[in-house]
Amino acid sequence: MKVVLIHQNGYWSKVLHIINTNVAIKDAAYAWVEHCDWMTGLVTGNTIPEQIFRSRCAAGHKAMWHASWGLPSGEVLEELNPALKEMLPHLFTETHTSDTKAGELTPEWADRLGLPRGIAVAVGALDAHMGAVGASVAPGILTRIMGTSTCDIMVAGKDEVGGRCIKGICGQVDGSVLPGFIGFEAGQSAFGDIYAWFRKMLAWTLKDIPGGEARQKVLDGMLVELTREAQDMEPSEDGVVALDWMNGRRTPDADQNVKGAVAGLTLGTSAPEIFRALVEATAFGSRRIVEHMKGQGLRIDSVNAIGGISKKAPFVMQTLADVLDMPIRVVRSEQTCALGAAMFAAVAAGVYKDINEATRHMGSDIEAEYRPDEKRALIYEKLYKKYLELANLLKPLTKYINQLIYLNHENQIFILAALCMATISIYAQNFNGLDMNMGNLYRLSNAKTQFHQP
């Protein structure tokens, strides 16, 4: 049996969703083009799918392209949907790094944009990867794009990586970030969104209050007050511990079925304590990514941060530095992704000979640096272990809980009983007991859904 793992945000999953849900588009479609490739083709007058310059970055990280095999084979695509195999001849086999000139701005688009005709247009790329270039990414530096979620970008020399595949991340592509280097992508499915979710929960009682300036003032000040009190607290190894899987887990080992959690609550737990635990959880999730990459031989000496969180949330940034126990530098540029794109455009236009020269002349400097506090870092070592224990506890339970949505009421009772026994087994650190209890009780039920043991 062949197993094909496709990220839900990838090229093939999006195409598959559309052709499975919209027959009219499926029948009319000739080919499918990534947005960054289409825009490049549009403004240079090259919109024939087979001739458009395809981005190495987008093709590698989103469409599963690799120089040794190209796109996924027709056999694999046919298993997903025959329509995917039929369009394969209209797609592409070659890709280009973003220092490549894709063409020149057409007279039509020059007039519409108010720009000179004939301007060089570089091959496109994904925004986060361009942001890493704008942040002067280099081997040993992890670039974190920090906002509602996070995207982690880094590069390594081909000699350093060799033929190894770094497992459990969101892509490993030759030239996707810097030409001549292997680009790596990872990230968290939720970061700032977790803080916003908590504020939304606390603001539930305001739902019946008419909208207006006073109501908005309360909402705007809520995270400010939570932050003010949370940062005045010292971290405690006996405090609340949270798990940052409220929107699934992207890295390591993507799994959108896992769920978040908050543990260690008492009747005396305050909202700022929970908020601090959520901030720490997002930092622990970041550390798990760093350890995952370093554990497979990638070198990470420091972190460069860009994005809204890095600019607006010093408490979050200091907590992250303490948890990672390494310095974090905040890049000054307010538009780092656009800066990276401009740097590649300068190379494509011949202003600079390569991206290294462009970085020396155009790269942004650092506006702030967060250094880890030795005392807090020691406490976070212990809290991080509890975070990992909580993750190991909840991951198997999540799988069984998800089965409930497929069962009738009678079978749900069997599974709920099994979950109670499973919880006892887990607390006894008896995962074999977990499998036995779940399996035996499930076999007693008349469920039509096949149950898969972990």
Protein backbone atom coordinates (compact mmCIF):
# COMPACT_ATOMS: atom_id res chain seq x y z
CA MET A 1 0.00 0.00 0.00
CA LYS A 2 1.32 3.44 -0.95
CA VAL A 3 0.97 6.26 1.56
CA VAL A 4 0.98 9.84 0.25
CA LEU A 5 1.32 12.60 2.83
CA ILE A 6 0.22 16.00 1.53
CA HIS A 7 0.21 19.12 3.67
CA GLN A 8 -3.22 20.77 3.74
CA ASN A 9 -1.67 24.09 2.73
CA GLY A 10 0.19 22.61 -0.22
CA TYR A 11 -0.31 22.88 -3.98
CA TRP A 12 -1.81 19.43 -4.50
CA SER A 13 -4.19 19.57 -1.56
CA LYS A 14 -5.66 22.86 -2.79
CA VAL A 15 -6.05 21.61 -6.35
CA LEU A 16 -7.52 18.34 -5.09
CA HIS A 17 -10.05 20.17 -2.93
CA ILE A 18 -11.25 22.30 -5.84
CA ILE A 19 -11.59 19.46 -8.35
CA ASN A 20 -13.40 17.36 -5.74
CA THR A 21 -15.89 20.11 -4.90
CA ASN A 22 -16.38 22.12 -8.11
CA VAL A 23 -17.08 20.11 -11.24
CA ALA A 24 -17.32 23.20 -13.45
CA ILE A 25 -13.82 24.39 -12.56
CA LYS A 26 -12.47 20.86 -12.78
CA ASP A 27 -13.78 20.44 -16.32
CA ALA A 28 -12.65 23.88 -17.45
CA ALA A 29 -9.16 23.82 -15.91
CA TYR A 30 -6.19 23.41 -18.22
CA ALA A 31 -3.44 23.81 -15.61
CA TRP A 32 -2.84 25.21 -12.15
CA VAL A 33 -0.32 27.95 -11.35
CA GLU A 34 1.00 29.18 -7.99
CA HIS A 35 0.10 32.80 -7.28
CA CYS A 36 3.72 34.01 -7.16
CA ASP A 37 4.33 32.36 -10.57
CA TRP A 38 1.15 33.73 -12.10
CA MET A 39 1.85 37.31 -11.03
CA THR A 40 5.35 37.10 -12.47
CA GLY A 41 3.99 35.73 -15.73
CA LEU A 42 1.17 38.26 -15.86
CA VAL A 43 3.32 41.39 -15.58
CA THR A 44 5.93 40.05 -18.02
CA GLY A 45 3.38 38.92 -20.63
CA ASN A 46 4.11 35.21 -20.20
CA THR A 47 0.92 33.43 -19.12
CA ILE A 48 1.26 30.14 -20.99
CA PRO A 49 1.40 27.54 -18.18
CA GLU A 50 4.10 25.43 -19.84
CA GLN A 51 6.33 28.51 -20.31
CA ILE A 52 5.87 30.43 -17.05
CA PHE A 53 9.00 30.65 -14.91
CA ARG A 54 8.21 28.45 -11.92
CA SER A 55 9.51 29.34 -8.47
CA ARG A 56 11.92 26.84 -6.95
CA CYS A 57 10.68 27.93 -3.53
CA ALA A 58 6.97 27.39 -4.20
CA ALA A 59 7.47 24.23 -6.26
CA GLY A 60 9.70 22.58 -3.69
CA HIS A 61 7.85 23.50 -0.50
CA LYS A 62 4.29 23.36 -1.87
CA ALA A 63 4.20 21.07 -4.92
CA MET A 64 6.66 18.39 -3.72
CA TRP A 65 9.04 19.11 -6.60
CA HIS A 66 12.60 17.83 -6.43
CA ALA A 67 15.40 18.04 -8.97
CA SER A 68 15.88 14.27 -8.99
CA TRP A 69 12.26 13.36 -9.73
CA GLY A 70 10.42 16.53 -10.71
CA LEU A 71 6.79 16.56 -9.61
CA PRO A 72 5.02 13.53 -8.10
CA SER A 73 4.53 10.78 -10.66
CA GLY A 74 1.37 10.30 -12.67
CA GLU A 75 0.81 7.02 -10.84
CA VAL A 76 0.75 8.77 -7.47
CA LEU A 77 -1.46 11.60 -8.70
CA GLU A 78 -3.90 9.21 -10.33
CA GLU A 79 -4.49 7.51 -6.99
CA LEU A 80 -5.56 10.86 -5.57
CA ASN A 81 -7.69 11.81 -8.57
CA PRO A 82 -7.28 10.94 -12.27
CA ALA A 83 -7.75 14.61 -13.14
CA LEU A 84 -4.42 15.40 -11.48
CA LYS A 85 -2.59 13.00 -13.77
CA GLU A 86 -4.33 14.43 -16.85
CA MET A 87 -3.03 17.94 -16.15
CA LEU A 88 0.55 16.81 -15.45
CA PRO A 89 1.77 17.45 -19.05
CA HIS A 90 0.64 21.07 -18.73
CA LEU A 91 2.62 21.74 -15.56
CA PHE A 92 6.42 21.93 -15.31
CA THR A 93 9.65 20.05 -14.82
CA GLU A 94 12.10 22.94 -14.36
CA THR A 95 12.17 25.53 -11.58
CA HIS A 96 14.21 28.68 -10.94
CA THR A 97 15.70 30.43 -7.94
CA SER A 98 14.63 33.99 -7.23
CA ASP A 99 17.83 35.61 -8.48
CA THR A 100 16.72 34.63 -11.99
CA LYS A 101 15.25 37.23 -14.33
CA ALA A 102 11.83 36.02 -15.46
CA GLY A 103 11.24 38.84 -17.94
CA GLU A 104 10.56 42.56 -18.14
CA LEU A 105 7.58 44.66 -17.17
CA THR A 106 5.24 44.96 -20.15
CA PRO A 107 4.13 48.39 -21.45
CA GLU A 108 0.57 47.67 -20.30
CA TRP A 109 1.58 46.91 -16.71
CA ALA A 110 4.17 49.66 -16.63
CA ASP A 111 1.43 52.18 -17.47
CA ARG A 112 -1.04 50.67 -15.01
CA LEU A 113 1.51 50.72 -12.19
CA GLY A 114 3.09 54.02 -13.08
CA LEU A 115 6.53 52.50 -13.56
CA PRO A 116 9.09 52.66 -16.36
CA ARG A 117 8.74 50.07 -19.09
CA GLY A 118 11.25 47.25 -19.29
CA ILE A 119 11.97 46.91 -15.56
CA ALA A 120 13.46 43.49 -14.76
CA VAL A 121 11.12 41.10 -12.95
CA ALA A 122 12.63 38.34 -10.81
CA VAL A 123 11.19 34.87 -10.24
CA GLY A 124 8.82 34.88 -7.26
CA ALA A 125 8.93 33.01 -3.97
CA LEU A 126 6.91 32.52 -0.78
CA ASP A 127 6.66 35.50 1.55
CA ALA A 128 8.33 33.94 4.60
CA HIS A 129 11.32 32.78 2.59
CA MET A 130 11.73 36.27 1.14
CA GLY A 131 11.48 37.61 4.68
CA ALA A 132 14.37 35.41 5.76
CA VAL A 133 16.48 36.89 2.95
CA GLY A 134 15.50 40.40 4.03
CA ALA A 135 16.58 39.44 7.56
CA SER A 136 20.04 38.43 6.25
CA VAL A 137 19.59 34.70 6.78
CA ALA A 138 22.83 32.69 6.88
CA PRO A 139 23.94 29.24 8.08
CA GLY A 140 23.51 28.96 11.84
CA ILE A 141 20.80 31.66 12.00
CA LEU A 142 17.17 30.65 12.41
CA THR A 143 14.77 33.28 11.07
CA ARG A 144 11.41 33.34 12.86
CA ILE A 145 8.48 35.10 11.20
CA MET A 146 6.29 35.70 14.25
CA GLY A 147 2.65 36.69 14.01
CA THR A 148 -0.66 34.86 14.30
CA SER A 149 1.37 31.70 13.59
CA THR A 150 5.10 31.28 13.02
CA CYS A 151 7.24 30.24 10.10
CA ASP A 152 10.83 29.20 10.77
CA ILE A 153 13.32 29.48 7.92
CA MET A 154 16.98 28.52 7.86
CA VAL A 155 19.68 27.50 5.40
CA ALA A 156 22.63 25.12 5.47
CA GLY A 157 25.45 24.34 3.10
CA LYS A 158 25.11 21.36 0.79
CA ASP A 159 28.25 19.82 2.27
CA GLU A 160 26.75 20.08 5.75
CA VAL A 161 23.48 18.43 4.77
CA GLY A 162 24.79 15.89 2.29
CA GLY A 163 22.14 13.43 1.21
CA ARG A 164 20.26 13.54 4.51
CA CYS A 165 16.54 14.23 4.71
CA ILE A 166 15.58 16.31 7.74
CA LYS A 167 12.41 14.60 8.91
CA GLY A 168 9.27 16.07 10.38
CA ILE A 169 9.52 19.62 8.98
CA CYS A 170 7.65 21.57 6.28
CA GLY A 171 10.15 21.21 3.48
CA GLN A 172 13.80 20.90 2.52
CA VAL A 173 14.56 22.46 -0.86
CA ASP A 174 17.80 23.26 -2.65
CA GLY A 175 17.79 27.00 -3.43
CA SER A 176 14.38 27.82 -1.97
CA VAL A 177 15.83 30.59 0.21
CA LEU A 178 19.39 31.33 -0.94
CA PRO A 179 20.76 29.98 -4.21
CA GLY A 180 23.45 27.40 -3.52
CA PHE A 181 22.12 26.52 -0.06
CA ILE A 182 19.53 24.05 1.19
CA GLY A 183 16.48 25.85 2.55
CA PHE A 184 14.45 24.48 5.47
CA GLU A 185 10.97 25.45 6.65
CA ALA A 186 9.18 24.69 9.91
CA GLY A 187 6.71 26.54 12.13
CA GLN A 188 3.84 26.59 14.60
CA SER A 189 0.19 26.47 13.55
CA ALA A 190 -0.74 29.08 16.15
CA PHE A 191 1.26 31.65 18.08
CA GLY A 192 -0.27 35.11 18.43
CA ASP A 193 -3.63 33.52 17.62
CA ILE A 194 -3.44 31.69 20.96
CA TYR A 195 -3.20 34.98 22.85
CA ALA A 196 -6.07 36.39 20.78
CA TRP A 197 -8.14 33.26 21.51
CA PHE A 198 -7.65 33.72 25.26
CA ARG A 199 -8.68 37.37 25.05
CA LYS A 200 -11.76 36.34 23.10
CA MET A 201 -12.68 33.87 25.83
CA LEU A 202 -12.32 36.47 28.54
CA ALA A 203 -14.34 38.96 26.49
CA TRP A 204 -17.30 36.61 26.10
CA THR A 205 -19.28 38.48 28.74
CA LEU A 206 -19.08 41.61 26.58
CA LYS A 207 -20.99 40.02 23.71
CA ASP A 208 -24.30 41.62 24.68
CA ILE A 209 -22.83 45.07 25.25
CA PRO A 210 -23.42 47.35 22.24
CA GLY A 211 -20.34 48.07 20.20
CA GLY A 212 -18.72 51.41 20.71
CA GLU A 213 -15.64 53.24 21.87
CA ALA A 214 -15.92 52.08 25.48
CA ARG A 215 -16.27 48.41 24.53
CA GLN A 216 -13.37 48.59 22.10
CA LYS A 217 -11.22 50.26 24.72
CA VAL A 218 -11.78 47.32 27.06
CA LEU A 219 -10.88 44.83 24.33
CA ASP A 220 -7.79 46.78 23.30
CA GLY A 221 -6.55 47.01 26.86
CA MET A 222 -7.17 43.41 27.81
CA LEU A 223 -3.93 41.92 26.44
CA VAL A 224 -2.01 44.94 27.73
CA GLU A 225 -3.22 44.32 31.28
CA LEU A 226 -2.72 40.57 31.02
CA THR A 227 0.83 41.16 29.85
CA ARG A 228 1.56 43.72 32.57
CA GLU A 229 0.58 41.34 35.37
CA ALA A 230 1.98 38.20 33.75
CA GLN A 231 5.44 39.65 33.21
CA ASP A 232 5.61 40.71 36.87
CA MET A 233 5.28 37.07 37.90
CA GLU A 234 8.36 34.92 38.22
CA PRO A 235 8.20 31.55 36.42
CA SER A 236 7.58 28.63 38.75
CA GLU A 237 8.19 24.96 38.12
CA ASP A 238 4.98 24.31 40.07
CA GLY A 239 2.91 26.68 37.94
CA VAL A 240 0.35 26.17 35.21
CA VAL A 241 1.60 24.35 32.09
CA ALA A 242 -0.10 24.70 28.69
CA LEU A 243 0.20 22.90 25.36
CA ASP A 244 0.19 25.10 22.25
CA TRP A 245 -1.74 22.78 19.93
CA MET A 246 -4.95 24.85 19.78
CA ASN A 247 -4.69 24.81 15.96
CA GLY A 248 -2.96 21.48 15.57
CA ARG A 249 0.79 21.00 15.26
CA ARG A 250 2.83 22.01 12.22
CA THR A 251 6.34 21.05 13.40
CA PRO A 252 7.68 18.64 14.34
CA ASP A 253 5.65 15.96 12.56
CA ALA A 254 2.57 17.81 11.31
CA ASP A 255 -0.67 16.61 12.90
CA GLN A 256 -3.82 18.73 12.68
CA ASN A 257 -5.78 16.35 14.90
CA VAL A 258 -3.93 17.08 18.14
CA LYS A 259 -5.48 19.51 20.59
CA GLY A 260 -4.21 22.11 23.03
CA ALA A 261 -4.49 21.93 26.81
CA VAL A 262 -3.95 23.82 30.04
CA ALA A 263 -2.91 21.77 33.09
CA GLY A 264 -2.32 22.50 36.75
CA LEU A 265 -5.33 24.76 37.28
CA THR A 266 -6.71 25.40 40.77
CA LEU A 267 -9.52 27.56 42.11
CA GLY A 268 -6.85 30.14 42.87
CA THR A 269 -5.44 30.32 39.33
CA SER A 270 -5.76 33.80 37.83
CA ALA A 271 -6.21 34.92 34.24
CA PRO A 272 -2.69 36.42 34.08
CA GLU A 273 -1.25 33.10 35.27
CA ILE A 274 -3.02 31.27 32.46
CA PHE A 275 -1.90 33.91 29.98
CA ARG A 276 1.70 33.53 31.12
CA ALA A 277 1.40 29.76 30.72
CA LEU A 278 0.13 30.25 27.15
CA VAL A 279 3.08 32.54 26.34
CA GLU A 280 5.44 29.95 27.80
CA ALA A 281 3.70 27.21 25.82
CA THR A 282 4.30 29.00 22.52
CA ALA A 283 7.94 29.40 23.54
CA PHE A 284 8.17 25.70 24.44
CA GLY A 285 6.71 24.82 21.05
CA SER A 286 9.42 26.96 19.47
CA ARG A 287 12.09 25.18 21.47
CA ARG A 288 10.74 21.81 20.39
CA ILE A 289 11.29 22.87 16.77
CA VAL A 290 14.84 24.04 17.49
CA GLU A 291 15.69 20.81 19.30
CA HIS A 292 14.14 18.77 16.50
CA MET A 293 16.34 20.45 13.91
CA LYS A 294 19.48 20.43 16.01
CA GLY A 295 18.88 16.78 16.83
CA GLN A 296 19.21 16.01 13.13
CA GLY A 297 22.51 17.79 12.77
CA LEU A 298 21.47 21.33 11.76
CA ARG A 299 23.41 24.13 13.41
CA ILE A 300 21.42 26.89 15.13
CA ASP A 301 23.47 29.49 16.99
CA SER A 302 21.02 32.39 17.18
CA VAL A 303 17.60 33.60 16.11
CA ASN A 304 16.61 36.59 13.96
CA ALA A 305 12.98 37.61 14.46
CA ILE A 306 10.64 39.50 12.16
CA GLY A 307 6.88 40.06 12.17
CA GLY A 308 4.36 41.79 14.42
CA ILE A 309 5.02 39.83 17.61
CA SER A 310 8.74 40.61 17.47
CA LYS A 311 7.99 44.34 17.30
CA LYS A 312 5.07 44.64 19.72
CA ALA A 313 5.49 42.00 22.44
CA PRO A 314 8.73 42.35 24.45
CA PHE A 315 7.40 40.03 27.17
CA VAL A 316 6.86 37.26 24.62
CA MET A 317 10.28 37.84 23.08
CA GLN A 318 12.11 37.76 26.43
CA THR A 319 10.27 34.59 27.42
CA LEU A 320 11.27 33.01 24.13
CA ALA A 321 14.93 33.95 24.69
CA ASP A 322 14.81 32.48 28.20
CA VAL A 323 13.21 29.23 27.01
CA LEU A 324 15.51 28.81 24.02
CA ASP A 325 18.48 29.92 26.14
CA MET A 326 19.93 31.77 23.17
CA PRO A 327 19.93 35.39 21.97
CA ILE A 328 17.14 36.66 19.73
CA ARG A 329 17.76 39.66 17.47
CA VAL A 330 14.84 41.71 16.14
CA VAL A 331 15.35 42.96 12.59
CA ARG A 332 14.70 46.69 12.18
CA SER A 333 12.91 46.62 8.82
CA GLU A 334 9.12 46.97 9.00
CA GLN A 335 8.70 45.24 5.63
CA THR A 336 11.29 42.48 5.69
CA CYS A 337 9.51 40.23 3.19
CA ALA A 338 9.29 43.07 0.67
CA LEU A 339 12.93 43.91 1.36
CA GLY A 340 13.99 40.36 0.52
CA ALA A 341 12.03 40.51 -2.72
CA ALA A 342 13.67 43.83 -3.59
CA MET A 343 17.10 42.33 -2.94
CA PHE A 344 16.42 39.52 -5.41
CA ALA A 345 15.02 42.03 -7.90
CA ALA A 346 18.26 44.02 -7.65
CA VAL A 347 20.22 40.89 -8.54
CA ALA A 348 17.90 40.01 -11.43
CA ALA A 349 18.27 43.56 -12.74
CA GLY A 350 22.06 43.36 -12.61
CA VAL A 351 22.50 45.99 -9.88
CA TYR A 352 24.37 43.43 -7.79
CA LYS A 353 26.12 40.30 -9.01
CA ASP A 354 24.52 37.94 -6.47
CA ILE A 355 22.36 37.86 -3.36
CA ASN A 356 25.39 38.02 -1.06
CA GLU A 357 26.39 41.38 -2.49
CA ALA A 358 22.78 42.58 -2.34
CA THR A 359 22.59 41.58 1.33
CA ARG A 360 25.72 43.57 2.16
CA HIS A 361 24.28 46.70 0.57
CA MET A 362 20.57 46.34 1.30
CA GLY A 363 20.18 44.07 4.35
CA SER A 364 18.46 45.49 7.41
CA ASP A 365 20.26 46.01 10.69
CA ILE A 366 19.14 44.90 14.17
CA GLU A 367 17.01 47.16 16.35
CA ALA A 368 16.86 45.10 19.55
CA GLU A 369 18.35 41.99 21.10
CA TYR A 370 16.88 39.78 23.81
CA ARG A 371 19.39 37.80 25.83
CA PRO A 372 18.40 34.87 28.05
CA ASP A 373 18.21 35.35 31.81
CA GLU A 374 20.26 32.60 33.46
CA LYS A 375 17.96 32.15 36.46
CA ARG A 376 14.75 31.96 34.44
CA ALA A 377 16.39 29.67 31.87
CA LEU A 378 17.08 27.10 34.62
CA ILE A 379 13.45 27.13 35.74
CA TYR A 380 12.26 26.80 32.17
CA GLU A 381 14.41 23.68 31.76
CA LYS A 382 12.15 21.99 34.32
CA LEU A 383 8.94 23.48 32.95
CA TYR A 384 9.88 22.40 29.44
CA LYS A 385 10.13 18.78 30.61
CA LYS A 386 6.60 19.10 32.01
CA TYR A 387 5.46 20.51 28.66
CA LEU A 388 6.87 17.44 26.91
CA GLU A 389 5.23 15.14 29.47
CA LEU A 390 1.88 16.85 28.87
CA ALA A 391 2.32 16.43 25.12
CA ASN A 392 3.10 12.72 25.51
CA LEU A 393 0.08 12.32 27.78
CA LEU A 394 -2.45 13.98 25.50
CA LYS A 395 -1.36 12.89 22.04
CA PRO A 396 -2.65 9.28 22.27
CA LEU A 397 -5.86 10.38 24.00
CA THR A 398 -6.60 12.87 21.21
CA LYS A 399 -6.69 10.07 18.68
CA TYR A 400 -9.30 8.16 20.64
CA ILE A 401 -11.40 11.22 21.38
CA ASN A 402 -11.54 12.03 17.66
CA GLN A 403 -13.12 8.62 17.05
CA LEU A 404 -16.22 9.66 18.98
CA ILE A 405 -17.57 11.80 16.17
CA TYR A 406 -17.98 8.68 14.01
CA LEU A 407 -19.82 6.57 16.60
CA ASN A 408 -23.43 6.25 17.70
CA HIS A 409 -24.47 6.97 21.29
CA GLU A 410 -24.12 3.39 22.50
CA ASN A 411 -20.62 3.06 21.14
CA GLN A 412 -19.63 6.45 22.54
CA ILE A 413 -20.34 5.09 26.00
CA PHE A 414 -17.93 2.21 25.41
CA ILE A 415 -15.23 4.59 24.17
CA LEU A 416 -15.73 7.04 27.04
CA ALA A 417 -15.31 4.16 29.46
CA ALA A 418 -12.18 3.17 27.61
CA LEU A 419 -10.84 6.73 27.84
CA CYS A 420 -11.28 6.64 31.62
CA MET A 421 -9.31 3.41 31.80
CA ALA A 422 -6.79 4.79 29.33
CA THR A 423 -6.22 7.82 31.52
CA ILE A 424 -5.49 5.56 34.48
CA SER A 425 -3.06 3.59 32.34
CA ILE A 426 -1.28 6.74 31.18
CA TYR A 427 -0.86 8.11 34.66
CA ALA A 428 0.66 4.78 35.58
CA GLN A 429 2.93 5.26 32.54
CA ASN A 430 1.50 2.04 31.14
CA PHE A 431 0.95 2.77 27.46
CA ASN A 432 0.63 -0.94 26.71
CA GLY A 433 -2.29 -0.90 29.10
CA LEU A 434 -3.74 1.99 27.13
CA ASP A 435 -3.71 -0.02 23.92
CA MET A 436 -5.18 -3.09 25.62
CA ASN A 437 -8.01 -1.20 27.34
CA MET A 438 -8.96 0.70 24.20
CA GLY A 439 -8.77 -2.33 21.98
CA ASN A 440 -10.77 -4.65 24.24
CA LEU A 441 -13.56 -2.15 24.89
CA TYR A 442 -13.78 -1.16 21.28
CA ARG A 443 -14.18 -4.76 20.18
CA LEU A 444 -17.20 -4.99 22.49
CA SER A 445 -18.93 -2.25 20.54
CA ASN A 446 -20.75 -2.59 17.23
CA ALA A 447 -18.99 0.38 15.69
CA LYS A 448 -18.85 0.27 11.93
CA THR A 449 -15.85 2.60 11.82
CA GLN A 450 -12.57 0.76 11.80
CA PHE A 451 -10.53 1.56 14.89
CA HIS A 452 -6.80 2.08 14.42
CA GLN A 453 -4.42 1.40 17.27
CA PRO A 454 -1.65 4.00 17.67
